[in-house]
N, C-alpha and C. Protein backbone atom coordinates (compact mmCIF):
# COMPACT_ATOMS: atom_id res chain seq x y z
N UNK A 1 -11.15 16.56 29.18
CA UNK A 1 -10.23 16.10 28.80
C UNK A 1 -8.76 16.60 28.26
N UNK A 2 -7.41 16.20 28.52
CA UNK A 2 -6.44 16.63 29.22
C UNK A 2 -5.92 17.24 27.75
N UNK A 3 -5.06 17.72 27.65
CA UNK A 3 -3.96 17.97 26.40
C UNK A 3 -3.36 16.99 25.90
N UNK A 4 -2.99 16.00 26.30
CA UNK A 4 -2.57 14.90 26.03
C UNK A 4 -3.50 13.83 25.12
N UNK A 5 -4.33 13.81 25.60
CA UNK A 5 -5.88 13.30 25.20
C UNK A 5 -6.39 14.12 23.67
N UNK A 6 -6.13 14.82 23.88
CA UNK A 6 -6.57 16.24 22.61
C UNK A 6 -5.78 15.60 21.32
N UNK A 7 -4.85 15.74 21.64
CA UNK A 7 -3.46 15.43 21.08
C UNK A 7 -3.43 14.15 20.26
N UNK A 8 -4.03 13.04 21.09
CA UNK A 8 -4.17 11.35 20.70
C UNK A 8 -5.43 11.83 19.69
N UNK A 9 -6.19 11.97 19.92
CA UNK A 9 -7.91 12.26 19.67
C UNK A 9 -7.28 12.81 18.10
N UNK A 10 -6.54 13.82 17.99
CA UNK A 10 -6.32 14.34 16.88
C UNK A 10 -4.94 13.37 15.41
N UNK A 11 -4.53 12.77 16.76
CA UNK A 11 -3.63 12.11 15.69
C UNK A 11 -4.34 10.71 14.96
N UNK A 12 -5.32 10.43 15.69
CA UNK A 12 -6.18 9.09 15.25
C UNK A 12 -7.02 9.84 13.99
N UNK A 13 -7.76 10.93 14.36
CA UNK A 13 -8.08 11.65 13.00
C UNK A 13 -7.90 11.45 11.81
N UNK A 14 -6.36 12.29 12.11
CA UNK A 14 -5.39 12.86 11.10
C UNK A 14 -5.01 10.85 10.00
N UNK A 15 -5.04 10.06 11.27
CA UNK A 15 -4.24 9.08 10.66
C UNK A 15 -5.68 8.35 10.05
N UNK A 16 -6.80 8.56 10.20
CA UNK A 16 -7.48 7.63 9.63
C UNK A 16 -8.33 8.25 8.20
N UNK A 17 -7.48 9.40 7.81
CA UNK A 17 -7.53 9.82 6.96
C UNK A 17 -6.40 9.64 5.68
N UNK A 18 -5.23 9.54 6.31
CA UNK A 18 -4.03 9.33 5.93
C UNK A 18 -3.62 7.84 5.56
N UNK A 19 -4.07 7.00 6.19
CA UNK A 19 -3.74 5.38 6.09
C UNK A 19 -4.73 5.36 4.76
N UNK A 20 -6.04 5.56 4.90
CA UNK A 20 -6.58 4.84 3.24
C UNK A 20 -5.94 5.83 2.37
N UNK A 21 -5.13 6.97 2.30
CA UNK A 21 -4.22 7.46 1.10
C UNK A 21 -3.49 6.58 0.86
N UNK A 22 -2.72 6.48 1.76
CA UNK A 22 -1.64 5.56 1.66
C UNK A 22 -1.71 4.13 0.87
N UNK A 23 -2.88 3.55 1.69
CA UNK A 23 -3.30 2.50 0.96
C UNK A 23 -3.57 2.46 -0.31
N UNK A 24 -3.92 3.90 -1.17
CA UNK A 24 -4.50 3.67 -2.20
C UNK A 24 -3.08 3.99 -3.49
N UNK A 25 -1.77 4.11 -2.49
CA UNK A 25 -0.97 4.32 -3.41
C UNK A 25 -0.10 2.76 -3.92
N UNK A 26 -0.55 1.62 -2.90
CA UNK A 26 -0.27 0.75 -3.14
C UNK A 26 -0.33 0.05 -4.49
N UNK A 27 0.68 -0.96 -4.62
CA UNK A 27 0.33 -1.69 -5.90
C UNK A 27 -0.39 -2.96 -6.25
N UNK A 28 -0.76 -3.69 -4.65
CA UNK A 28 -1.36 -4.57 -4.77
C UNK A 28 -3.19 -4.05 -4.54
N UNK A 29 -3.87 -4.83 -5.51
CA UNK A 29 -5.21 -4.20 -5.83
C UNK A 29 -6.07 -4.85 -4.25
N UNK A 30 -5.85 -5.75 -3.48
CA UNK A 30 -6.27 -6.10 -2.63
C UNK A 30 -6.47 -4.82 -1.43
N UNK A 31 -5.14 -4.26 -1.15
CA UNK A 31 -4.82 -3.44 -0.29
C UNK A 31 -5.45 -2.08 -0.45
N UNK A 32 -5.43 -2.16 -1.90
CA UNK A 32 -6.19 -0.60 -2.13
C UNK A 32 -7.28 -0.45 -1.98
N UNK A 33 -8.57 -1.43 -1.86
CA UNK A 33 -9.45 -1.54 -1.67
C UNK A 33 -10.08 -1.88 -0.19
N UNK A 34 -9.07 -1.88 0.76
CA UNK A 34 -9.21 -1.90 2.16
C UNK A 34 -9.88 -0.23 2.49
N UNK A 35 -10.87 -1.00 4.04
CA UNK A 35 -11.67 0.41 4.41
C UNK A 35 -11.38 0.51 5.56
N UNK A 36 -10.41 1.77 6.02
CA UNK A 36 -10.54 2.14 7.49
C UNK A 36 -11.17 2.31 8.27
N UNK A 37 -12.00 1.52 9.40
CA UNK A 37 -13.03 1.83 9.95
C UNK A 37 -12.83 2.82 11.13
N UNK A 38 -11.50 2.60 11.85
CA UNK A 38 -10.96 3.22 12.88
C UNK A 38 -9.66 3.47 13.20
N UNK A 39 -9.12 4.31 14.01
CA UNK A 39 -7.57 4.27 14.10
C UNK A 39 -7.51 4.54 15.61
N UNK A 40 -6.84 3.79 16.27
CA UNK A 40 -6.61 4.29 17.67
C UNK A 40 -4.92 4.36 18.23
N UNK A 41 -4.41 5.87 18.67
CA UNK A 41 -3.26 5.59 19.30
C UNK A 41 -3.30 5.13 20.37
N UNK A 42 -1.81 4.44 20.72
CA UNK A 42 -1.64 4.16 22.37
C UNK A 42 -1.34 5.82 22.83
N UNK A 43 -1.36 5.88 24.31
CA UNK A 43 -0.75 6.76 24.87
C UNK A 43 0.03 7.56 24.61
N UNK A 44 1.03 7.09 24.56
CA UNK A 44 2.15 7.90 24.08
C UNK A 44 2.30 8.17 22.50
N UNK A 45 1.40 7.28 21.52
CA UNK A 45 1.14 7.96 19.99
C UNK A 45 2.60 7.01 19.59
N UNK A 46 3.36 6.09 20.11
CA UNK A 46 4.14 5.04 19.71
C UNK A 46 3.64 4.03 18.57
N UNK A 47 2.50 3.83 19.24
CA UNK A 47 1.52 2.57 18.32
C UNK A 47 0.20 2.92 17.87
N UNK A 48 0.02 2.24 16.67
CA UNK A 48 -1.58 2.77 16.59
C UNK A 48 -2.14 1.81 15.94
N UNK A 49 -3.42 1.15 16.33
CA UNK A 49 -4.21 -0.06 16.00
C UNK A 49 -4.90 0.73 14.94
N UNK A 50 -4.63 -0.03 13.97
CA UNK A 50 -6.02 0.35 12.32
C UNK A 50 -6.53 -0.60 12.46
N UNK A 51 -7.94 -0.30 12.53
CA UNK A 51 -9.26 -1.45 12.16
C UNK A 51 -9.38 -1.41 10.69
N UNK A 52 -9.78 -2.38 9.83
CA UNK A 52 -10.08 -2.84 9.16
C UNK A 52 -11.34 -3.24 8.62
N UNK A 53 -12.47 -2.90 7.45
CA UNK A 53 -13.67 -3.74 7.42
C UNK A 53 -13.35 -5.01 6.78
N UNK A 54 -14.13 -5.92 7.60
CA UNK A 54 -13.72 -7.61 6.94
C UNK A 54 -14.93 -7.64 6.27
N UNK A 55 -15.92 -6.90 5.74
CA UNK A 55 -17.16 -7.19 4.98
C UNK A 55 -16.56 -7.60 3.66
N UNK A 56 -17.20 -9.18 3.36
CA UNK A 56 -16.71 -9.72 2.10
C UNK A 56 -15.32 -10.14 1.84
N UNK A 57 -14.77 -10.32 3.05
CA UNK A 57 -13.56 -10.83 2.85
C UNK A 57 -13.07 -12.06 3.93
N UNK A 58 -12.96 -13.17 3.28
CA UNK A 58 -12.56 -14.58 3.70
C UNK A 58 -11.50 -14.65 4.81
N UNK A 59 -12.04 -15.71 5.56
CA UNK A 59 -11.06 -15.79 6.96
C UNK A 59 -9.65 -15.85 5.99
N UNK A 60 -9.05 -16.69 5.40
CA UNK A 60 -8.06 -17.03 4.90
C UNK A 60 -7.53 -16.02 3.88
N UNK A 61 -8.35 -15.05 3.45
CA UNK A 61 -7.69 -13.82 2.89
C UNK A 61 -7.33 -12.43 3.61
N UNK A 62 -8.22 -12.71 4.85
CA UNK A 62 -8.05 -11.60 5.81
C UNK A 62 -6.36 -11.81 6.57
N UNK A 63 -6.22 -12.95 6.51
CA UNK A 63 -4.76 -13.87 7.27
C UNK A 63 -3.55 -13.06 5.87
N UNK A 64 -4.17 -13.27 4.86
CA UNK A 64 -2.58 -12.92 4.04
C UNK A 64 -2.61 -11.42 4.03
N UNK A 65 -3.81 -10.50 3.75
CA UNK A 65 -3.88 -9.50 3.81
C UNK A 65 -3.04 -8.66 4.89
N UNK A 66 -3.37 -9.08 6.02
CA UNK A 66 -2.56 -8.47 7.10
C UNK A 66 -1.21 -8.85 7.25
N UNK A 67 -0.49 -9.86 6.60
CA UNK A 67 0.51 -10.46 6.28
C UNK A 67 1.52 -9.41 5.30
N UNK A 68 0.46 -9.17 4.51
CA UNK A 68 0.87 -8.08 3.39
C UNK A 68 1.23 -6.69 3.60
N UNK A 69 -0.03 -6.38 4.84
CA UNK A 69 0.27 -5.13 5.31
C UNK A 69 0.93 -4.87 6.34
N UNK A 70 1.86 -6.00 7.00
CA UNK A 70 2.73 -5.75 7.92
C UNK A 70 3.96 -5.72 7.22
N UNK A 71 4.05 -6.55 6.15
CA UNK A 71 5.45 -6.15 5.11
C UNK A 71 5.51 -4.50 4.38
N UNK A 72 4.02 -3.44 4.25
CA UNK A 72 4.51 -2.57 3.54
C UNK A 72 4.47 -1.35 4.89
N UNK A 73 3.83 -1.91 5.98
CA UNK A 73 3.59 -0.95 7.31
C UNK A 73 4.56 0.33 7.42
N UNK A 74 6.00 -0.01 6.82
CA UNK A 74 7.01 0.97 6.95
C UNK A 74 7.01 1.81 5.86
N UNK A 75 6.47 1.58 5.03
CA UNK A 75 6.37 2.42 3.39
C UNK A 75 4.89 3.43 4.15
N UNK A 76 4.14 2.99 4.58
CA UNK A 76 2.89 3.81 5.25
C UNK A 76 3.18 4.43 6.10
N UNK A 77 3.91 4.38 7.04
CA UNK A 77 4.14 4.92 7.95
C UNK A 77 5.11 5.99 7.37
N UNK A 78 5.80 5.85 6.76
CA UNK A 78 6.83 7.05 5.96
C UNK A 78 5.95 8.05 5.32
N UNK A 79 4.86 7.40 4.57
CA UNK A 79 3.72 8.41 4.11
C UNK A 79 3.21 9.31 4.82
N UNK A 80 3.01 8.98 5.76
CA UNK A 80 2.09 9.49 7.12
C UNK A 80 3.08 10.70 7.85
N UNK A 81 4.48 10.34 7.60
CA UNK A 81 5.58 11.05 8.27
C UNK A 81 5.60 12.37 7.28
N UNK A 82 5.56 12.12 5.85
CA UNK A 82 6.02 13.04 4.84
C UNK A 82 4.79 13.86 4.92
N UNK A 83 3.50 13.42 4.75
CA UNK A 83 2.52 13.97 4.58
C UNK A 83 2.14 15.16 5.82
N UNK A 84 2.31 14.74 7.00
CA UNK A 84 2.17 15.44 7.98
C UNK A 84 3.62 16.13 8.54
N UNK A 85 4.54 15.75 8.21
CA UNK A 85 5.80 16.24 8.42
C UNK A 85 5.85 16.33 10.04
N UNK A 86 5.44 15.00 10.49
CA UNK A 86 6.08 14.79 12.11
C UNK A 86 7.51 13.91 12.26
N UNK A 87 7.85 14.42 13.78
CA UNK A 87 8.91 14.05 14.06
C UNK A 87 9.27 12.39 13.63
N UNK A 88 8.23 11.49 14.39
CA UNK A 88 7.79 9.97 14.40
C UNK A 88 6.70 9.76 13.62
N UNK A 89 6.13 8.82 13.43
CA UNK A 89 5.18 8.07 12.98
C UNK A 89 5.01 7.07 14.03
N UNK A 90 3.64 6.86 14.58
CA UNK A 90 3.32 5.46 15.20
C UNK A 90 3.55 4.16 14.32
N UNK A 91 3.77 3.11 14.96
CA UNK A 91 4.24 1.83 14.58
C UNK A 91 2.63 1.53 14.51
N UNK A 92 2.14 1.02 13.28
CA UNK A 92 0.86 0.43 12.64
C UNK A 92 0.85 -0.91 13.32
N UNK A 93 -0.15 -1.43 13.46
CA UNK A 93 -0.85 -2.68 13.87
C UNK A 93 -2.45 -2.56 13.26
N UNK A 94 -2.45 -3.52 12.11
CA UNK A 94 -3.67 -3.86 11.88
C UNK A 94 -4.20 -5.13 12.32
N UNK A 95 -5.66 -4.59 11.90
CA UNK A 95 -6.42 -5.26 12.83
C UNK A 95 -8.12 -5.39 11.46
N UNK A 96 -8.75 -6.53 11.95
CA UNK A 96 -9.94 -6.95 11.25
C UNK A 96 -11.10 -6.34 12.33
N UNK A 97 -11.94 -5.46 12.10
CA UNK A 97 -13.09 -4.78 13.05
C UNK A 97 -14.04 -5.97 13.26
N UNK A 98 -13.83 -6.58 14.40
CA UNK A 98 -14.82 -7.49 14.70
C UNK A 98 -16.38 -7.13 15.37
N UNK A 99 -16.04 -5.61 15.72
CA UNK A 99 -17.36 -5.11 16.05
C UNK A 99 -18.49 -4.83 14.92
N UNK A 100 -18.01 -4.64 14.06
CA UNK A 100 -19.05 -4.39 12.70
C UNK A 100 -20.11 -5.69 12.66
N UNK A 101 -19.41 -6.86 13.03
CA UNK A 101 -19.90 -8.27 12.31
C UNK A 101 -20.89 -8.41 14.04
N UNK A 102 -20.56 -7.84 15.02
CA UNK A 102 -21.13 -8.04 15.80
C UNK A 102 -22.54 -7.46 15.92
N UNK A 103 -22.10 -6.06 15.71
CA UNK A 103 -23.66 -5.04 15.67
C UNK A 103 -24.22 -5.95 14.59
N UNK A 104 -23.98 -6.11 13.39
CA UNK A 104 -24.76 -6.39 12.27
C UNK A 104 -25.58 -7.93 12.76
N UNK A 105 -24.99 -8.44 13.55
CA UNK A 105 -25.60 -9.87 14.26
C UNK A 105 -26.68 -9.56 15.29
N UNK A 106 -26.18 -8.41 16.17
CA UNK A 106 -27.19 -8.20 17.23
C UNK A 106 -28.48 -7.45 16.44
N UNK A 107 -28.19 -6.62 14.92
CA UNK A 107 -29.27 -5.98 14.34
C UNK A 107 -30.37 -7.27 13.60
N UNK A 108 -29.71 -8.18 13.19
CA UNK A 108 -30.14 -9.39 13.25
C UNK A 108 -31.02 -10.09 14.01
N UNK A 109 -31.01 -10.31 15.29
CA UNK A 109 -31.36 -10.41 16.37
C UNK A 109 -32.72 -9.94 17.08
N UNK A 110 -32.08 -8.81 16.67
CA UNK A 110 -33.34 -7.74 17.22
C UNK A 110 -34.78 -7.78 15.93
N UNK A 111 -34.17 -7.75 14.64
CA UNK A 111 -35.24 -7.86 13.78
C UNK A 111 -35.98 -9.15 14.06
N UNK A 112 -35.27 -10.05 14.36
CA UNK A 112 -36.20 -11.48 14.20
C UNK A 112 -36.99 -11.56 15.89
N UNK A 113 -36.53 -10.96 16.41
CA UNK A 113 -37.65 -10.75 17.74
C UNK A 113 -38.65 -9.72 17.46
N UNK A 114 -38.50 -8.79 16.45
CA UNK A 114 -39.39 -7.84 16.36
C UNK A 114 -40.66 -8.62 15.50
N UNK A 115 -40.13 -9.15 14.70
CA UNK A 115 -40.82 -10.27 13.90
C UNK A 115 -41.54 -11.24 14.54
N UNK A 116 -41.08 -12.07 15.66
CA UNK A 116 -42.02 -13.03 16.27
C UNK A 116 -42.70 -12.54 17.07
N UNK A 117 -42.73 -11.08 17.76
CA UNK A 117 -43.42 -10.51 18.45
C UNK A 117 -44.84 -9.77 17.70
N UNK A 118 -44.38 -9.38 16.50
CA UNK A 118 -46.05 -8.99 15.78
C UNK A 118 -46.59 -10.37 15.26
N UNK A 119 -46.11 -11.35 15.07
CA UNK A 119 -46.52 -12.41 14.66
C UNK A 119 -47.80 -13.26 15.89
């Protein structure tokens, strides 16, 4: 692993902790309750994809939440800058994590196959 990759992984880890802290400071109850599943910084650490857990959130609500997060992203970035003392913060791009849904669906399919094999 190169030194640049190590720095990027460290930034991912730090942001995975800081973003939920920053969300907890917001006034909007829906945004405070969001769970960050993963943060992936770009190669130059200029951008960061922040993946959120979609469990229990309807599709229409997800779109509204993403719209609200886009509005407050500068404040979240400023929080991370201040907390870590960085020169600059990556620009956040919020997304709902579809991988969790796929894994859950695959688990259900495997359980169904196992059930059919036992019968």
